[in-house]
Protein backbone atom coordinates (compact mmCIF):
# COMPACT_ATOMS: atom_id res chain seq x y z
CA MET A 1 -15.73 -10.94 62.07
CA ILE A 2 -17.58 -10.26 58.49
CA GLN A 3 -18.82 -12.32 55.72
CA LEU A 4 -19.22 -11.42 52.05
CA GLN A 5 -21.29 -14.17 50.23
CA ASN A 6 -22.00 -14.40 46.58
CA ILE A 7 -21.39 -10.82 45.86
CA SER A 8 -21.74 -9.42 42.40
CA LYS A 9 -21.03 -6.03 41.14
CA ASN A 10 -21.14 -4.31 37.77
CA PHE A 11 -20.07 -0.93 36.58
CA ALA A 12 -21.78 -0.19 33.16
CA SER A 13 -20.41 -2.86 30.92
CA GLN A 14 -17.67 -4.10 33.05
CA GLU A 15 -18.18 -6.91 35.78
CA LEU A 16 -15.82 -6.52 38.71
CA PHE A 17 -16.90 -9.64 40.98
CA ASN A 18 -18.92 -12.69 40.10
CA ASN A 19 -20.29 -14.59 43.09
CA LEU A 20 -17.42 -13.41 45.28
CA ASN A 21 -17.31 -14.89 48.80
CA LEU A 22 -14.69 -13.80 51.62
CA LYS A 23 -14.73 -14.74 55.32
CA LEU A 24 -12.41 -12.54 57.75
CA ASN A 25 -11.43 -14.44 60.91
CA ALA A 26 -10.68 -12.80 64.29
CA GLY A 27 -7.15 -10.98 64.53
CA ASN A 28 -6.51 -11.55 60.78
CA ARG A 29 -4.49 -8.79 59.40
CA THR A 30 -4.89 -9.26 55.56
CA GLY A 31 -3.46 -7.57 52.67
CA LEU A 32 -5.30 -7.20 49.60
CA VAL A 33 -3.53 -7.60 46.20
CA GLY A 34 -5.02 -7.16 42.58
CA ARG A 35 -4.35 -5.45 39.39
CA ASN A 36 -5.25 -1.57 39.12
CA GLY A 37 -8.87 -1.67 38.20
CA SER A 38 -9.55 -4.92 39.43
CA GLY A 39 -11.87 -3.76 42.45
CA LYS A 40 -9.88 -3.56 45.40
CA SER A 41 -11.21 -0.13 46.31
CA THR A 42 -14.76 -0.78 45.15
CA LEU A 43 -14.77 -3.86 47.61
CA PHE A 44 -14.12 -1.37 50.61
CA LYS A 45 -16.66 0.53 49.61
CA LEU A 46 -19.28 -2.25 49.49
CA ILE A 47 -18.06 -3.28 53.23
CA LEU A 48 -18.60 0.40 54.32
CA GLY A 49 -21.89 0.50 52.71
CA GLU A 50 -20.88 3.30 50.36
CA GLU A 51 -21.57 1.20 47.25
CA SER A 52 -24.31 -1.53 47.00
CA ALA A 53 -23.81 -4.87 45.65
CA ASP A 54 -25.84 -6.07 42.78
CA ASP A 55 -26.46 -9.38 44.12
CA GLY A 56 -25.07 -11.33 47.07
CA GLU A 57 -24.98 -10.40 51.12
CA ILE A 58 -22.46 -8.58 53.37
CA ILE A 59 -22.96 -9.95 56.84
CA ILE A 60 -21.50 -7.80 59.58
CA PRO A 61 -22.16 -8.78 63.44
CA LYS A 62 -23.72 -6.44 65.94
CA ASN A 63 -21.92 -3.72 67.34
CA TYR A 64 -19.08 -4.29 65.05
CA LYS A 65 -17.25 -1.07 64.20
CA ILE A 66 -15.50 -0.57 60.75
CA GLY A 67 -13.28 2.17 60.52
CA THR A 68 -11.22 3.44 57.24
CA LEU A 69 -8.12 5.71 57.01
CA LYS A 70 -8.95 8.40 54.60
CA GLN A 71 -6.13 8.96 51.96
CA HIS A 72 -7.21 12.55 51.70
CA LEU A 73 -5.87 14.86 54.43
CA THR A 74 -8.65 17.46 55.17
CA PHE A 75 -8.67 19.60 58.57
CA SER A 76 -11.23 22.14 59.83
CA GLU A 77 -10.06 23.10 63.44
CA SER A 78 -7.18 25.32 64.62
CA THR A 79 -5.70 22.76 67.04
CA LEU A 80 -4.81 19.35 67.20
CA ARG A 81 -6.88 18.77 70.20
CA GLU A 82 -10.01 20.32 68.74
CA GLU A 83 -9.35 18.33 65.25
CA ALA A 84 -9.30 14.74 66.91
CA ALA A 85 -12.03 15.51 68.99
CA LEU A 86 -14.29 15.82 66.31
CA ALA A 87 -14.17 12.02 66.23
CA LEU A 88 -15.98 11.77 69.41
CA GLU A 89 -19.54 10.72 69.54
CA ASP A 90 -21.99 12.73 71.10
CA GLU A 91 -22.41 10.97 74.43
CA MET A 92 -18.51 11.34 74.71
CA LYS A 93 -17.86 14.89 73.40
CA TYR A 94 -16.41 16.27 76.53
CA ASP A 95 -14.31 13.19 77.19
CA VAL A 96 -11.37 14.90 75.41
CA TYR A 97 -8.98 12.97 77.78
CA ARG A 98 -9.87 9.79 75.43
CA VAL A 99 -8.40 11.57 72.35
CA GLU A 100 -5.51 12.85 74.12
CA LYS A 101 -4.42 9.57 75.48
CA ILE A 102 -4.35 8.25 71.75
CA LEU A 103 -2.40 11.44 70.43
CA PHE A 104 0.13 10.68 73.13
CA GLY A 105 0.43 6.90 72.13
CA LEU A 106 0.86 8.13 68.35
CA GLY A 107 4.05 10.21 69.34
CA PHE A 108 2.36 13.73 70.07
CA THR A 109 3.37 15.64 73.08
CA GLN A 110 1.68 18.01 75.14
CA GLU A 111 2.74 21.02 73.44
CA ASP A 112 1.52 19.47 70.11
CA LEU A 113 -2.18 19.66 71.37
CA GLU A 114 -2.40 23.61 70.75
CA LYS A 115 -0.76 23.61 67.21
CA ASP A 116 -2.48 23.82 63.81
CA PRO A 117 -3.10 20.38 62.57
CA LEU A 118 -1.63 21.71 59.01
CA SER A 119 1.95 22.51 60.88
CA PHE A 120 2.72 18.81 61.01
CA SER A 121 4.48 16.94 58.26
CA GLY A 122 2.56 14.47 55.99
CA GLY A 123 3.47 11.45 58.22
CA TYR A 124 2.36 13.26 61.29
CA GLN A 125 -1.16 14.53 59.58
CA ILE A 126 -1.65 10.67 58.93
CA ARG A 127 -1.30 9.96 62.26
CA ILE A 128 -3.79 12.85 63.27
CA ASN A 129 -6.41 10.85 61.02
CA LEU A 130 -5.36 7.55 62.53
CA ALA A 131 -6.07 8.97 65.91
CA LYS A 132 -9.46 10.32 64.99
CA LEU A 133 -10.34 6.67 63.47
CA LEU A 134 -8.98 4.84 66.74
CA VAL A 135 -11.45 7.07 68.80
CA THR A 136 -14.20 5.18 67.48
CA GLU A 137 -12.76 2.01 68.87
CA PRO A 138 -13.00 -0.09 65.55
CA ASN A 139 -12.86 -3.66 65.36
CA LEU A 140 -11.64 -3.45 61.61
CA LEU A 141 -9.52 -1.15 59.97
CA LEU A 142 -9.76 -1.07 56.17
CA LEU A 143 -6.60 0.90 54.78
CA ASP A 144 -6.62 2.11 51.29
CA GLU A 145 -2.86 2.90 50.15
CA PRO A 146 -2.15 4.35 53.72
CA THR A 147 1.74 4.30 52.64
CA ASN A 148 1.18 7.05 49.84
CA TYR A 149 3.13 10.22 50.65
CA LEU A 150 4.82 8.85 53.73
CA ASP A 151 8.66 8.89 54.02
CA ILE A 152 10.52 5.77 54.98
CA VAL A 153 10.68 6.83 58.86
CA SER A 154 6.72 7.29 59.01
CA LEU A 155 6.58 4.04 57.20
CA ARG A 156 8.38 2.19 59.96
CA TRP A 157 6.18 3.63 62.60
CA LEU A 158 3.09 2.83 60.90
CA LYS A 159 4.17 -0.73 60.37
CA SER A 160 4.98 -1.06 64.37
CA PHE A 161 1.52 0.41 65.07
CA LEU A 162 -0.35 -2.37 62.89
CA ARG A 163 1.53 -5.09 63.98
CA ALA A 164 0.48 -4.19 67.55
CA PHE A 165 -3.47 -3.63 66.33
CA GLU A 166 -5.53 -6.13 68.44
CA GLY A 167 -8.36 -5.99 65.69
CA GLU A 168 -8.58 -7.19 62.14
CA VAL A 169 -7.04 -5.12 59.07
CA ILE A 170 -7.57 -5.18 55.63
CA LEU A 171 -4.80 -3.48 53.71
CA ILE A 172 -4.33 -2.23 49.94
CA THR A 173 -0.90 -0.96 49.43
CA HIS A 174 1.72 -1.30 46.28
CA ASN A 175 4.43 -1.39 48.85
CA ARG A 176 5.06 -4.99 48.68
CA ASP A 177 7.68 -5.01 51.67
CA PHE A 178 5.31 -3.21 54.15
CA MET A 179 2.50 -5.36 53.44
CA ASP A 180 4.58 -8.66 53.88
CA SER A 181 5.73 -7.08 57.05
CA VAL A 182 2.35 -6.29 58.59
CA CYS A 183 -0.24 -9.04 57.34
CA THR A 184 -0.87 -12.51 58.63
CA HIS A 185 -2.80 -13.41 55.38
CA THR A 186 -2.80 -12.34 51.76
CA MET A 187 -5.99 -12.37 49.43
CA GLY A 188 -6.28 -11.27 45.98
CA ILE A 189 -9.07 -10.37 43.47
CA VAL A 190 -8.36 -13.05 40.71
CA ARG A 191 -10.57 -13.25 37.63
CA LYS A 192 -13.46 -11.66 39.76
CA LYS A 193 -13.20 -13.93 42.80
CA ILE A 194 -11.23 -13.49 46.02
CA GLU A 195 -8.33 -16.03 46.56
CA ILE A 196 -7.01 -16.20 50.19
CA ILE A 197 -3.88 -17.88 51.87
CA GLN A 198 -2.22 -17.57 55.09
CA GLY A 199 1.24 -16.08 54.22
CA ASP A 200 3.01 -13.17 52.35
CA THR A 201 2.51 -12.25 49.02
CA HIS A 202 5.00 -14.15 47.41
CA LYS A 203 3.64 -17.37 48.89
CA PHE A 204 0.20 -15.94 47.19
CA TYR A 205 1.83 -15.61 43.98
CA GLU A 206 3.59 -18.99 43.96
CA GLN A 207 0.03 -20.55 45.08
CA LEU A 208 -1.73 -18.68 42.37
CA ASN A 209 0.79 -19.88 39.54
CA ALA A 210 0.55 -23.24 40.92
CA ASN A 211 -3.22 -23.39 40.76
CA ASP A 212 -3.40 -21.79 37.27
CA GLU A 213 -0.64 -24.56 36.25
CA LEU A 214 -3.13 -27.22 37.52
CA TYR A 215 -6.27 -25.76 36.02
CA ALA A 216 -4.51 -25.50 32.67
CA LYS A 217 -3.76 -29.25 32.79
CA GLN A 218 -7.36 -30.23 33.65
CA LYS A 219 -8.72 -27.73 30.79
CA ILE A 220 -6.42 -29.51 28.39
CA ALA A 221 -7.67 -32.82 29.50
CA GLN A 222 -11.05 -31.70 29.33
CA ASP A 223 -10.95 -30.11 25.74
CA LYS A 224 -9.67 -33.35 24.29
CA LYS A 225 -12.32 -35.39 26.56
CA VAL A 226 -14.87 -33.07 24.68
CA LYS A 227 -13.26 -33.47 21.39
CA GLU A 228 -13.35 -37.17 21.89
CA LEU A 229 -16.86 -37.26 22.61
CA GLU A 230 -17.88 -34.94 19.67
CA GLU A 231 -16.20 -36.86 17.24
CA PHE A 232 -17.97 -40.19 18.68
CA ILE A 233 -21.20 -38.47 18.32
CA ALA A 234 -20.67 -36.97 15.05
CA LYS A 235 -19.48 -40.54 13.53
CA ASN A 236 -22.51 -42.76 15.40
CA LYS A 237 -25.43 -40.43 15.59
CA ALA A 238 -26.82 -41.61 12.05
CA ARG A 239 -26.48 -45.09 12.19
CA ALA A 240 -29.26 -46.99 13.92
CA SER A 241 -27.17 -49.47 15.63
CA THR A 242 -25.31 -46.87 17.63
CA ALA A 243 -27.60 -44.42 17.79
CA SER A 244 -28.54 -44.73 21.37
CA LEU A 245 -24.83 -45.06 22.41
CA ALA A 246 -24.41 -41.65 20.42
CA GLN A 247 -27.22 -40.21 22.60
CA SER A 248 -25.81 -41.16 25.70
CA LYS A 249 -22.70 -39.59 24.95
CA VAL A 250 -24.54 -36.31 24.00
CA LYS A 251 -26.11 -36.41 27.50
CA GLN A 252 -22.65 -37.22 28.86
CA LEU A 253 -21.55 -33.95 27.02
CA GLU A 254 -24.49 -31.86 28.25
CA LYS A 255 -23.92 -32.88 31.92
CA MET A 256 -20.09 -31.72 31.82
CA GLU A 257 -19.36 -28.39 33.60
CA LEU A 258 -16.90 -26.91 31.18
CA LEU A 259 -13.99 -25.09 32.22
CA ASP A 260 -13.42 -21.38 30.86
CA ASP A 261 -9.98 -20.39 29.37
CA LEU A 262 -8.05 -18.56 31.76
CA ALA A 263 -8.11 -14.84 31.57
CA PHE A 264 -4.73 -13.14 32.34
CA ASP A 265 -4.78 -9.58 33.19
CA ASN A 266 -2.41 -6.67 31.32
CA THR A 267 0.59 -5.97 32.83
CA LEU A 268 3.14 -2.97 32.26
CA ALA A 269 6.20 -4.15 29.97
CA PHE A 270 9.38 -1.94 30.53
CA ASP A 271 12.35 -1.99 27.97
CA PHE A 272 14.17 1.24 28.51
CA ASN A 273 15.64 2.56 25.18
CA PHE A 274 19.40 2.64 25.72
CA LYS A 275 21.45 4.85 23.70
CA GLU A 276 25.03 3.91 23.14
CA THR A 277 27.72 5.82 24.51
CA PRO A 278 31.57 5.63 24.79
CA ALA A 279 31.27 7.25 28.27
CA LYS A 280 32.10 5.08 31.18
CA LEU A 281 31.28 8.19 33.73
CA MET A 282 27.77 9.37 33.08
CA LEU A 283 27.42 12.26 35.54
CA GLU A 284 29.96 14.49 37.88
CA VAL A 285 28.63 16.44 40.69
CA GLU A 286 30.91 18.48 42.84
CA ASN A 287 30.20 20.75 45.71
CA LEU A 288 26.60 21.07 44.70
CA SER A 289 24.39 23.53 46.71
CA PHE A 290 20.96 24.66 46.32
CA GLY A 291 18.40 26.76 48.33
CA TYR A 292 15.33 28.74 47.69
CA THR A 293 16.93 31.73 49.23
CA PRO A 294 20.66 32.11 50.67
CA GLU A 295 19.27 31.73 54.30
CA ASN A 296 17.06 28.57 53.19
CA ILE A 297 19.97 25.95 51.91
CA LEU A 298 18.39 22.28 51.51
CA PHE A 299 21.51 20.64 50.35
CA LYS A 300 25.32 21.86 50.39
CA ASN A 301 28.63 20.86 48.82
CA ILE A 302 27.28 17.33 47.59
CA SER A 303 29.89 15.47 45.71
CA PHE A 304 29.41 12.21 43.58
CA SER A 305 29.80 10.40 40.42
CA ILE A 306 27.90 7.69 38.59
CA LYS A 307 29.12 5.29 36.04
CA ARG A 308 27.47 3.37 33.28
CA GLY A 309 25.43 0.41 34.90
CA GLU A 310 25.12 1.96 38.40
CA CYS A 311 22.12 3.34 40.39
CA LEU A 312 22.12 5.97 42.76
CA GLY A 313 19.06 6.53 45.11
CA ILE A 314 18.05 9.41 47.18
CA ILE A 315 16.34 8.76 50.51
CA GLY A 316 14.99 10.97 53.26
CA LYS A 317 12.17 12.29 55.27
CA ASN A 318 9.56 14.46 53.09
CA GLY A 319 10.34 18.12 52.38
CA LYS A 320 14.11 17.69 52.89
CA GLY A 321 14.77 18.46 49.22
CA LYS A 322 15.21 14.93 47.64
CA SER A 323 12.95 15.91 44.29
CA THR A 324 14.69 19.28 44.54
CA LEU A 325 18.13 17.67 44.14
CA LEU A 326 16.69 15.65 41.15
CA ASN A 327 15.32 18.47 39.42
CA THR A 328 18.51 20.36 40.04
CA LEU A 329 20.53 17.47 38.40
CA ALA A 330 17.96 17.43 35.54
CA GLY A 331 18.82 21.10 34.78
CA GLU A 332 15.20 22.17 35.88
CA LEU A 333 16.52 24.29 38.86
CA LYS A 334 19.62 26.42 39.08
CA GLN A 335 22.04 25.45 41.71
CA LEU A 336 23.51 28.30 44.05
CA SER A 337 27.10 26.63 43.75
CA GLY A 338 28.63 23.60 42.33
CA THR A 339 29.01 21.91 39.12
CA ILE A 340 27.15 19.09 37.41
CA SER A 341 29.00 17.74 34.26
CA SER A 342 28.42 14.63 31.87
CA HIS A 343 29.81 13.54 28.62
CA PRO A 344 28.61 15.17 25.46
CA SER A 345 27.02 11.60 24.60
CA VAL A 346 24.66 11.52 27.40
CA GLU A 347 20.99 11.62 27.00
CA PHE A 348 18.67 11.57 30.08
CA ALA A 349 14.90 11.37 30.62
CA HIS A 350 13.41 12.66 33.76
CA PHE A 351 10.27 11.28 35.56
CA GLY A 352 9.11 13.79 37.99
CA GLN A 353 6.33 14.04 40.39
CA THR A 354 5.16 17.74 38.79
CA ASN A 355 5.93 16.47 35.23
CA ILE A 356 2.42 15.06 35.10
CA ASP A 357 1.38 18.87 34.81
CA ARG A 358 3.29 19.20 31.34
CA LEU A 359 0.97 16.74 29.68
CA HIS A 360 -1.37 18.57 27.06
CA ALA A 361 -4.78 18.05 28.19
CA ASN A 362 -6.53 17.86 24.71
CA ALA A 363 -3.85 15.43 23.30
CA THR A 364 -4.27 11.77 23.15
CA VAL A 365 -1.89 9.05 24.63
CA ILE A 366 -0.64 8.42 21.36
CA ASP A 367 0.31 11.97 20.61
CA GLU A 368 1.79 12.25 23.85
CA ILE A 369 4.58 9.30 23.70
CA HIS A 370 5.15 10.23 19.69
CA SER A 371 6.02 13.89 20.99
CA ALA A 372 8.70 12.44 23.02
CA ASN A 373 10.51 10.73 19.99
CA THR A 374 9.00 12.12 16.51
CA LYS A 375 11.25 9.60 14.74
CA LEU A 376 9.56 6.63 15.89
CA PRO A 377 6.82 4.95 13.40
CA THR A 378 3.38 4.66 14.39
CA GLN A 379 3.59 0.89 15.02
CA SER A 380 6.19 1.30 17.53
CA ILE A 381 4.52 4.06 19.23
CA ARG A 382 1.37 2.05 19.63
CA SER A 383 3.63 -0.94 20.83
CA ILE A 384 4.78 1.28 23.66
CA ALA A 385 1.21 2.68 24.46
CA GLY A 386 0.28 -1.00 24.59
CA ALA A 387 3.50 -1.97 27.20
CA MET A 388 1.96 0.66 28.81
CA MET A 389 -1.50 -0.91 29.04
CA PHE A 390 -3.09 1.55 26.53
CA SER A 391 -4.05 -1.03 23.71
CA GLY A 392 -6.71 -0.40 21.13
CA ASP A 393 -9.11 2.53 21.65
CA SER A 394 -7.72 3.54 24.85
CA ALA A 395 -4.65 4.61 23.37
CA ASP A 396 -6.70 7.39 21.45
CA LYS A 397 -8.00 8.85 24.75
CA LYS A 398 -7.62 12.29 25.53
CA VAL A 399 -5.05 13.12 28.51
CA SER A 400 -7.97 15.14 30.16
CA LEU A 401 -9.86 11.93 30.53
CA LEU A 402 -7.11 9.91 32.26
CA SER A 403 -6.69 9.18 36.05
CA GLY A 404 -3.53 10.42 37.78
CA GLY A 405 -2.11 6.68 37.58
CA GLU A 406 -2.97 6.62 34.05
CA LYS A 407 -1.07 9.76 33.36
CA SER A 408 1.90 8.52 35.18
CA ARG A 409 1.90 5.63 32.68
CA VAL A 410 2.07 8.07 29.76
CA MET A 411 5.11 9.61 31.12
CA LEU A 412 6.48 6.61 31.55
CA GLY A 413 5.77 5.71 28.14
CA GLN A 414 7.45 9.09 26.92
CA ILE A 415 10.67 7.74 28.86
CA LEU A 416 10.45 4.49 26.94
CA ALA A 417 10.11 6.16 23.58
CA ARG A 418 13.26 8.33 24.08
CA GLU A 419 16.74 7.00 23.51
CA VAL A 420 18.48 7.21 26.78
CA ASN A 421 21.57 6.38 28.68
CA LEU A 422 20.71 8.16 32.03
CA LEU A 423 17.52 8.11 34.09
CA PHE A 424 16.19 10.58 36.63
CA LEU A 425 13.38 8.87 38.55
CA ASP A 426 11.16 10.56 41.53
CA GLU A 427 9.00 7.88 42.97
CA PRO A 428 7.99 6.11 39.90
CA THR A 429 6.32 3.51 41.89
CA ASN A 430 3.29 5.62 42.70
CA HIS A 431 0.15 4.41 40.92
CA LEU A 432 1.74 0.95 40.04
CA ASP A 433 0.38 -2.13 41.14
CA MET A 434 2.80 -5.05 42.50
CA ASP A 435 3.13 -6.70 39.42
CA SER A 436 4.22 -3.53 37.39
CA ILE A 437 6.37 -2.46 40.10
CA GLU A 438 8.18 -5.92 40.08
CA ALA A 439 8.53 -5.21 35.85
CA LEU A 440 9.84 -1.70 36.55
CA THR A 441 12.10 -2.93 39.19
CA ASN A 442 13.90 -5.46 36.61
CA ALA A 443 13.96 -2.93 33.89
CA ILE A 444 15.91 -0.67 36.13
CA ARG A 445 18.32 -3.50 36.96
CA ASN A 446 18.65 -4.63 33.34
CA PHE A 447 19.43 -1.15 32.18
CA GLU A 448 22.75 -0.59 30.73
CA GLY A 449 22.73 3.21 31.48
CA ALA A 450 22.94 4.79 34.79
CA VAL A 451 19.91 5.59 37.10
CA ILE A 452 19.33 8.26 39.80
CA ILE A 453 16.13 7.52 41.83
CA VAL A 454 13.86 8.81 44.72
CA THR A 455 12.05 6.47 46.45
CA HIS A 456 10.44 5.59 49.78
CA SER A 457 10.28 1.78 48.97
CA GLU A 458 12.82 -0.15 51.03
CA GLU A 459 12.55 -3.15 48.82
CA LEU A 460 13.08 -1.16 45.87
CA LEU A 461 16.21 0.45 47.57
CA ARG A 462 17.70 -2.99 48.30
CA ARG A 463 17.06 -4.20 44.98
CA VAL A 464 18.46 -1.67 42.64
CA CYS A 465 20.74 0.62 44.65
CA ASP A 466 24.35 0.64 44.62
CA ARG A 467 25.09 3.83 46.44
CA LEU A 468 22.89 6.56 48.41
CA VAL A 469 22.51 10.15 48.93
CA ILE A 470 20.97 10.56 52.40
CA PHE A 471 19.01 13.47 53.77
CA ALA A 472 19.01 13.77 57.30
CA LYS A 473 18.79 16.83 59.81
CA GLU A 474 21.99 18.17 58.68
CA GLY A 475 21.19 18.51 54.99
CA ALA A 476 22.48 15.80 52.54
CA GLU A 477 25.58 13.60 52.44
CA TYR A 478 26.87 10.84 49.96
CA PHE A 479 27.13 7.28 51.30
CA ASP A 480 29.51 4.83 49.49
CA GLY A 481 27.06 1.55 49.64
CA GLY A 482 23.72 -0.08 49.50
CA TYR A 483 20.52 0.21 51.67
CA ASP A 484 21.26 -2.63 54.04
CA GLU A 485 24.60 -1.54 54.75
CA PHE A 486 23.50 2.13 55.47
CA LEU A 487 20.94 0.63 58.04
CA GLU A 488 23.90 -1.22 59.65
CA LYS A 489 26.27 1.68 59.75
CA ILE A 490 24.19 4.48 60.13
CA GLY A 491 20.26 3.43 60.16
CA TRP A 492 17.50 5.80 60.69
CA ASP A 493 17.48 8.52 63.47
CA GLU A 494 15.70 6.19 66.34
CA GLY A 495 14.30 9.86 67.74
CA GLU A 496 12.29 10.28 64.40
CA ASP A 497 10.98 6.70 64.52
CA GLU A 498 8.71 6.51 67.62
CA LYS A 499 7.46 3.12 68.62
CA LEU A 500 4.39 2.50 70.70
CA GLU A 501 5.07 2.04 74.13
CA LYS A 502 3.98 -1.82 74.31
CA ASN A 503 5.78 -2.39 71.29
CA LYS A 504 9.27 -1.30 72.50
CA PRO A 505 11.97 -3.65 72.06
CA ALA A 506 14.45 -4.57 74.43
CA PRO A 507 17.57 -2.59 74.98
CA LYS A 508 20.00 -3.95 72.59
CA SER A 509 23.12 -5.69 73.39
CA ASN A 510 26.25 -5.51 71.53
CA THR A 511 26.57 -6.49 67.98
CA LYS A 512 28.78 -9.58 68.98
CA GLU A 513 26.39 -11.05 71.40
CA ASN A 514 23.51 -10.03 69.13
CA LYS A 515 24.88 -12.46 66.35
CA LYS A 516 25.59 -15.42 68.80
CA LEU A 517 22.00 -14.83 70.13
CA LYS A 518 20.48 -14.97 66.50
CA ALA A 519 22.70 -17.71 65.65
CA ASP A 520 21.32 -19.91 68.55
CA LEU A 521 17.85 -18.77 67.79
CA THR A 522 18.40 -19.90 64.03
CA ARG A 523 19.65 -23.31 65.38
CA GLU A 524 16.95 -23.85 67.52
CA ARG A 525 14.15 -22.79 64.81
CA ASN A 526 15.83 -25.19 62.27
CA LYS A 527 15.64 -27.95 64.75
CA ILE A 528 12.21 -27.55 65.66
CA THR A 529 11.35 -26.66 61.66
CA SER A 530 13.18 -29.43 60.06
CA PRO A 531 10.81 -32.23 60.67
CA LEU A 532 7.96 -30.20 59.60
CA LYS A 533 9.78 -28.99 56.39
CA LYS A 534 10.48 -32.96 55.42
CA LYS A 535 6.75 -33.48 56.23
CA VAL A 536 5.70 -30.80 53.69
CA GLN A 537 7.98 -31.91 51.15
CA LYS A 538 6.79 -35.53 51.45
CA ILE A 539 3.22 -34.59 51.06
CA GLU A 540 3.95 -32.33 48.10
CA THR A 541 6.08 -35.19 46.51
CA ASN A 542 2.99 -37.39 47.19
CA ILE A 543 0.46 -35.05 45.88
CA MET A 544 2.60 -34.89 42.42
CA GLU A 545 2.62 -38.49 42.47
CA ILE A 546 -0.75 -39.27 42.65
CA GLU A 547 -1.82 -36.14 40.08
CA GLU A 548 0.31 -37.94 37.75
CA GLN A 549 -1.33 -41.08 38.27
CA LEU A 550 -4.61 -39.20 37.91
CA GLU A 551 -3.66 -37.81 34.66
CA LEU A 552 -2.97 -41.33 33.50
CA HIS A 553 -6.17 -42.66 34.69
CA HIS A 554 -8.31 -39.94 33.13
CA LYS A 555 -6.97 -40.83 29.84
CA GLU A 556 -7.51 -44.32 30.20
CA LEU A 557 -10.98 -43.39 31.43
CA VAL A 558 -11.68 -41.74 28.07
CA GLU A 559 -10.52 -44.89 26.07
CA VAL A 560 -12.38 -47.21 28.15
CA SER A 561 -15.77 -45.05 28.02
CA ASN A 562 -15.25 -45.20 24.18
CA SER A 563 -14.62 -49.00 24.09
CA GLY A 564 -18.00 -49.63 25.94
CA ASP A 565 -15.96 -51.94 28.78
CA SER A 566 -18.63 -50.87 31.60
CA ALA A 567 -16.71 -53.53 33.85
CA SER A 568 -13.34 -51.59 33.58
CA LEU A 569 -15.39 -48.30 33.42
CA ILE A 570 -16.70 -48.80 36.88
CA GLU A 571 -13.38 -49.96 37.94
CA LEU A 572 -11.38 -47.30 36.81
CA SER A 573 -13.95 -44.70 38.08
CA LYS A 574 -13.64 -45.92 41.45
CA LEU A 575 -9.88 -45.80 41.45
CA VAL A 576 -9.97 -42.06 39.93
CA SER A 577 -12.36 -41.40 42.75
CA LYS A 578 -10.43 -42.68 45.41
CA GLU A 579 -7.35 -40.70 43.95
CA GLU A 580 -9.13 -37.63 43.92
CA SER A 581 -10.08 -38.00 47.68
CA GLU A 582 -6.48 -38.80 48.64
CA VAL A 583 -5.35 -35.67 46.79
CA GLU A 584 -7.88 -33.76 48.85
CA GLU A 585 -6.85 -35.28 52.10
CA LEU A 586 -3.30 -34.73 51.36
CA PHE A 587 -4.06 -30.98 50.66
CA GLU A 588 -5.48 -30.85 53.69
CA GLU A 589 -2.64 -32.23 55.51
CA LEU A 590 -0.37 -29.94 53.63
CA GLU A 591 -2.13 -26.73 54.82
CA ILE A 592 -2.08 -27.98 58.58
CA ALA A 593 1.67 -28.63 58.04
CA GLN A 594 2.52 -25.42 56.23
CA SER A 595 0.57 -23.38 58.78
CA GLU A 596 2.23 -24.68 61.85
CA LEU A 597 5.64 -24.09 59.86
CA ASP A 598 4.39 -20.53 59.13
CA GLU A 599 3.51 -19.87 62.85
CA ILE A 600 6.87 -21.40 64.22
CA ASN A 601 8.76 -19.26 61.55
CA GLU A 602 6.85 -16.15 62.41
CA GLU A 603 7.08 -16.69 66.29
CA TYR A 604 11.09 -16.76 65.79
CA GLU A 605 11.24 -13.84 63.26
CA LYS A 606 9.65 -11.82 66.22
CA LYS A 607 11.95 -13.06 68.67
CA MET A 608 14.97 -12.10 66.33
CA GLU A 609 13.56 -8.52 65.74
CA LEU A 610 13.88 -7.84 69.43
CA LEU A 611 17.52 -8.48 69.51
C-alpha cells in the first residue's frame, strides 16, 4: 500500500500536479485515465523514483516491491532462459528454476527455453518482459500502455493474467474495454488532482460530470453572493451610519474561499468531410491475393464488397497481413492476382501505420494539413488544426518537433481536410486518449461514406463494424456479420489463447444448458440486487430534494444577511448546516450501498464468465 501526500510537480511553465493525494489499498487494480499530457506517465515516474516531486511526500512501506512493464522491448541474451534469468537478484542467480516456473505459467514450453527471444511474436515478447518482472515478486505492478502493439489474442491472455494477479495494479491504457474488464477502481488526473472511485470508466465519467454540474451550481450561487456583497459595500461604505456594516461585509468577503472557474481539457473534434457520390457500391474486391514472394502468400482469393454507410473490420494476430491488405486496397502494394474496382466518383483517404514517415520534417502542422487540400482557405485549415488540438502557436510548430502521437493527429487532420467518401484506417486509435477515441468512434458511425478499419480494439469493432475480414492460421476469410456474431459462431482459436492454469474455466456445457444457467443466475442476481437498487435510487432522490432545498435556503440566507435580520440569519444558518450534514451522510450511505451493489454484480459476472 502506497500513499502520495500533497504532491506538486512542474515542468518549466507547465504545472502538472498541485497538492495531489492518493492512497492505494491492498488488492486494488486501478485504471488511471486522463488526457494526453495530463501527467499519467510522470505520476508513474514519481512512484518509481525516476522523477522527484517539487513538493509533497511519497510513502512506500518497507520491503514493498514495485515493478513496471517496459513498453520498449530490448533483449541482449541469445536464449529465452538466459534473458529471463537476467532479472534474478545476485543471491538467486543460480535459481533458474524460478524463472522457468514463471515462463511455463505464461505459456512457454520446454523447447522455447532455448529459442532466441527475438524469434517470438510481439505478444510473447511482452510475456518475456512480464516474466522478468514477476521474478522480482512485486507487490505493485505499474503498467503504462501494455496493450500497445498486442493483437486481440494476446490482449485476452493479458486480461486473464491481470485478473488473477494477487497484488496491486495501476494501469494506463487507451483501451477502455480492456481497462474496464481488469480494474476494480478508476482514477483520473482531473485539473491537477486525483479523483478515484470504485467501478469502471463509465461510472467514473458519470460521477465526474455530476461533480462538475454540482460545482458549477455552487460557483453560480457564490458569484451571485459576491456580487451582492460588493454592491452592498459600494453603496454603504461612504455613509457614516452604515460604514461599520459595510466593513463587516468586507470581512465576510475576505473570508470567503472563492471557487475557481472550471477548466476543461481540449478534446479532438472529428468531422470527416464527406464528398457526395451517386455510388451505392463503393468498393468491390474479387479473388484478391498477395504475397511478397509466390511462396509466401499472406492472403488468397479474398472477395467482398462494401456499400455506402458500411464499415468493414480487418482483424487477426499481428504479422498475418492485416495492414498489407489495407495497403493493397489503397493501391500502395500491387496484388498478385484478383481485382479491386470502385465507382469513378469514389475518393479515398488512407491513415496508415507507416504514413507518418511521409510527413515533411521541416514543414509546419498548418503546411501539412494544407497540403492535403490546397483549395481550403487558411481559416478552415486553422479550424482543422484546432480540432486536432493544435491551436494558436502550436499550429505553427515544425513536424520534426512533434511526438509520435502529435504526428498521428497531423495525419488525421490531413484526412479531415480532404473531401472523401471511403476511409482506410489502420489502428487509428493508437496514441489517442479515451475521450478522443470516443470522438473518433462517433465520427466513424456518423460518416456517410464507407470505412475499412484495422483495429485490435474489441469495443471499437463492436460499435462500428458491420462485417469482417478475419486473418487466422489459414490466411484470411470474409465473414458476413459483426464482431459479437463472429465470437459466437467462430471465436478465437483457444489453442492460441492460453489461460493461466489457476484461471482455467470449467468445461463448457452445451449452449442450451448455458442459456438456462445464465437465466437462473440473472434471476438470482436480480432478486438480491433489487432492494439495493431501490435503496440507491431512494438515496439519490433524497439527495436531489435536499440539494434543491439547500439552493433555496442559500438564496434566502443572502437576502436575510442583507436585511440585517440576525434572528432569521441564525435560524437559517442552522437549517443550512443541518441540510449540508444530511447530504454528507446520504452520500456516505450511497457509497456503501453502491459498493455493495457493484460487488454483487461483479461476483455474478464472474460466475457467468465461467459458463
